[in-house]
């Protein structure tokens, strides 16, 4: 999870136009990118919830469960996003399209 936090912070520090060298008003690409962004956001949100939970239980816990917990959290996040998520994707898509239209002009 630390690597995903670092990459998210690196992407956030880049300017929006530098991250997208070729601007297009492709709504399908903007929709996909915004949904992926929301999934990462939800994954980080859920990851912080699961970070303090003990790893013992039905599966026996231990290092193996700790290793695969991030994968489980990512799948939970994809499921939450596919069911509507937190509503971030729609706003992100609108902003992406607005920035792309501004870059084309």
C-alpha atoms as a PDB file:
ATOM      1  CA  UNK A   1       0.000   0.000   0.000  1.00  0.00           C
ATOM      2  CA  UNK A   2       2.938   2.376   0.557  1.00  0.00           C
ATOM      3  CA  UNK A   3       3.929   2.198  -3.107  1.00  0.00           C
ATOM      4  CA  UNK A   4       0.404   3.100  -4.216  1.00  0.00           C
ATOM      5  CA  UNK A   5       0.354   6.072  -1.847  1.00  0.00           C
ATOM      6  CA  UNK A   6       3.680   7.286  -3.209  1.00  0.00           C
ATOM      7  CA  UNK A   7       2.531   6.969  -6.826  1.00  0.00           C
ATOM      8  CA  UNK A   8      -0.742   8.757  -6.042  1.00  0.00           C
ATOM      9  CA  UNK A   9       1.153  11.614  -4.400  1.00  0.00           C
ATOM     10  CA  UNK A  10       3.531  11.830  -7.364  1.00  0.00           C
ATOM     11  CA  UNK A  11       0.600  12.019  -9.796  1.00  0.00           C
ATOM     12  CA  UNK A  12      -1.093  14.683  -7.673  1.00  0.00           C
ATOM     13  CA  UNK A  13       2.014  16.874  -7.725  1.00  0.00           C
ATOM     14  CA  UNK A  14       2.216  16.888 -11.526  1.00  0.00           C
ATOM     15  CA  UNK A  15       0.335  19.564 -13.412  1.00  0.00           C
ATOM     16  CA  UNK A  16      -2.781  18.259 -15.215  1.00  0.00           C
ATOM     17  CA  UNK A  17      -1.511  19.316 -18.650  1.00  0.00           C
ATOM     18  CA  UNK A  18       1.920  17.742 -18.123  1.00  0.00           C
ATOM     19  CA  UNK A  19       0.288  14.425 -17.236  1.00  0.00           C
ATOM     20  CA  UNK A  20      -1.697  14.420 -20.514  1.00  0.00           C
ATOM     21  CA  UNK A  21       0.620  15.378 -23.372  1.00  0.00           C
ATOM     22  CA  UNK A  22      -1.977  14.815 -26.114  1.00  0.00           C
ATOM     23  CA  UNK A  23      -5.301  16.421 -25.229  1.00  0.00           C
ATOM     24  CA  UNK A  24      -8.447  14.865 -26.652  1.00  0.00           C
ATOM     25  CA  UNK A  25     -12.068  15.237 -25.692  1.00  0.00           C
ATOM     26  CA  UNK A  26     -12.604  11.483 -25.591  1.00  0.00           C
ATOM     27  CA  UNK A  27     -15.388  10.889 -23.067  1.00  0.00           C
ATOM     28  CA  UNK A  28     -14.728   7.130 -22.945  1.00  0.00           C
ATOM     29  CA  UNK A  29     -11.111   7.592 -21.864  1.00  0.00           C
ATOM     30  CA  UNK A  30     -12.109  10.253 -19.338  1.00  0.00           C
ATOM     31  CA  UNK A  31     -14.784   7.945 -17.935  1.00  0.00           C
ATOM     32  CA  UNK A  32     -12.312   5.058 -17.562  1.00  0.00           C
ATOM     33  CA  UNK A  33      -9.655   7.266 -15.945  1.00  0.00           C
ATOM     34  CA  UNK A  34     -12.136   8.808 -13.515  1.00  0.00           C
ATOM     35  CA  UNK A  35     -13.434   5.393 -12.443  1.00  0.00           C
ATOM     36  CA  UNK A  36      -9.888   4.132 -11.908  1.00  0.00           C
ATOM     37  CA  UNK A  37      -9.133   7.246  -9.830  1.00  0.00           C
ATOM     38  CA  UNK A  38     -12.196   6.660  -7.679  1.00  0.00           C
ATOM     39  CA  UNK A  39     -11.259   3.005  -7.229  1.00  0.00           C
ATOM     40  CA  UNK A  40      -7.779   4.002  -5.998  1.00  0.00           C
ATOM     41  CA  UNK A  41      -9.325   6.572  -3.648  1.00  0.00           C
ATOM     42  CA  UNK A  42     -11.734   4.003  -2.215  1.00  0.00           C
ATOM     43  CA  UNK A  43      -8.899   1.485  -1.889  1.00  0.00           C
ATOM     44  CA  UNK A  44      -6.864   3.966   0.165  1.00  0.00           C
ATOM     45  CA  UNK A  45      -9.928   4.744   2.277  1.00  0.00           C
ATOM     46  CA  UNK A  46     -10.656   1.072   2.959  1.00  0.00           C
ATOM     47  CA  UNK A  47      -6.966   0.298   3.460  1.00  0.00           C
ATOM     48  CA  UNK A  48      -6.794   2.687   6.381  1.00  0.00           C
ATOM     49  CA  UNK A  49      -9.862   0.999   7.881  1.00  0.00           C
ATOM     50  CA  UNK A  50      -8.354  -2.486   7.580  1.00  0.00           C
ATOM     51  CA  UNK A  51      -4.824  -1.526   8.659  1.00  0.00           C
ATOM     52  CA  UNK A  52      -5.510  -1.825  12.396  1.00  0.00           C
ATOM     53  CA  UNK A  53      -7.564  -5.009  12.237  1.00  0.00           C
ATOM     54  CA  UNK A  54      -5.865  -8.128  13.608  1.00  0.00           C
ATOM     55  CA  UNK A  55      -4.975 -10.831  11.092  1.00  0.00           C
ATOM     56  CA  UNK A  56      -6.058 -13.863  13.068  1.00  0.00           C
ATOM     57  CA  UNK A  57      -9.321 -15.580  12.291  1.00  0.00           C
ATOM     58  CA  UNK A  58     -10.694 -18.305  10.076  1.00  0.00           C
ATOM     59  CA  UNK A  59      -7.630 -18.314   7.812  1.00  0.00           C
ATOM     60  CA  UNK A  60      -5.154 -18.380  10.685  1.00  0.00           C
ATOM     61  CA  UNK A  61      -3.770 -14.892  10.130  1.00  0.00           C
ATOM     62  CA  UNK A  62      -0.075 -14.340   9.959  1.00  0.00           C
ATOM     63  CA  UNK A  63       2.196 -12.927   7.310  1.00  0.00           C
ATOM     64  CA  UNK A  64       0.302 -14.534   4.416  1.00  0.00           C
ATOM     65  CA  UNK A  65      -2.912 -12.782   5.332  1.00  0.00           C
ATOM     66  CA  UNK A  66      -1.072  -9.491   5.733  1.00  0.00           C
ATOM     67  CA  UNK A  67       0.418  -9.882   2.239  1.00  0.00           C
ATOM     68  CA  UNK A  68      -2.893 -10.537   0.524  1.00  0.00           C
ATOM     69  CA  UNK A  69      -4.954  -8.030   2.495  1.00  0.00           C
ATOM     70  CA  UNK A  70      -4.085  -5.213   0.081  1.00  0.00           C
ATOM     71  CA  UNK A  71      -5.324  -7.344  -2.828  1.00  0.00           C
ATOM     72  CA  UNK A  72      -8.571  -7.993  -0.978  1.00  0.00           C
ATOM     73  CA  UNK A  73      -8.982  -4.286  -0.229  1.00  0.00           C
ATOM     74  CA  UNK A  74      -8.380  -3.432  -3.912  1.00  0.00           C
ATOM     75  CA  UNK A  75     -11.093  -5.881  -4.965  1.00  0.00           C
ATOM     76  CA  UNK A  76     -13.484  -4.437  -2.376  1.00  0.00           C
ATOM     77  CA  UNK A  77     -12.751  -0.972  -3.776  1.00  0.00           C
ATOM     78  CA  UNK A  78     -13.469  -2.103  -7.341  1.00  0.00           C
ATOM     79  CA  UNK A  79     -16.754  -3.591  -6.144  1.00  0.00           C
ATOM     80  CA  UNK A  80     -17.771  -0.416  -4.333  1.00  0.00           C
ATOM     81  CA  UNK A  81     -16.847   1.691  -7.377  1.00  0.00           C
ATOM     82  CA  UNK A  82     -18.792  -0.560  -9.764  1.00  0.00           C
ATOM     83  CA  UNK A  83     -21.894  -0.072  -7.608  1.00  0.00           C
ATOM     84  CA  UNK A  84     -21.706   3.713  -7.787  1.00  0.00           C
ATOM     85  CA  UNK A  85     -18.798   4.422  -5.459  1.00  0.00           C
ATOM     86  CA  UNK A  86     -18.673   7.694  -3.579  1.00  0.00           C
ATOM     87  CA  UNK A  87     -19.697   9.821  -6.568  1.00  0.00           C
ATOM     88  CA  UNK A  88     -16.194  11.107  -7.242  1.00  0.00           C
ATOM     89  CA  UNK A  89     -15.911   9.610 -10.751  1.00  0.00           C
ATOM     90  CA  UNK A  90     -18.646  11.780 -12.274  1.00  0.00           C
ATOM     91  CA  UNK A  91     -17.007  14.966 -10.985  1.00  0.00           C
ATOM     92  CA  UNK A  92     -13.559  13.807 -12.098  1.00  0.00           C
ATOM     93  CA  UNK A  93     -14.843  13.009 -15.587  1.00  0.00           C
ATOM     94  CA  UNK A  94     -16.369  16.475 -15.917  1.00  0.00           C
ATOM     95  CA  UNK A  95     -13.115  18.114 -14.795  1.00  0.00           C
ATOM     96  CA  UNK A  96     -11.004  15.962 -17.139  1.00  0.00           C
ATOM     97  CA  UNK A  97     -13.173  16.893 -20.093  1.00  0.00           C
ATOM     98  CA  UNK A  98     -13.086  20.567 -19.104  1.00  0.00           C
ATOM     99  CA  UNK A  99      -9.272  20.519 -18.917  1.00  0.00           C
ATOM    100  CA  UNK A 100      -9.014  18.684 -22.217  1.00  0.00           C
ATOM    101  CA  UNK A 101     -11.265  21.197 -23.962  1.00  0.00           C
ATOM    102  CA  UNK A 102      -9.213  24.046 -22.533  1.00  0.00           C
ATOM    103  CA  UNK A 103      -5.972  22.449 -23.754  1.00  0.00           C
ATOM    104  CA  UNK A 104      -7.327  22.003 -27.295  1.00  0.00           C
ATOM    105  CA  UNK A 105      -8.286  25.669 -27.636  1.00  0.00           C
END
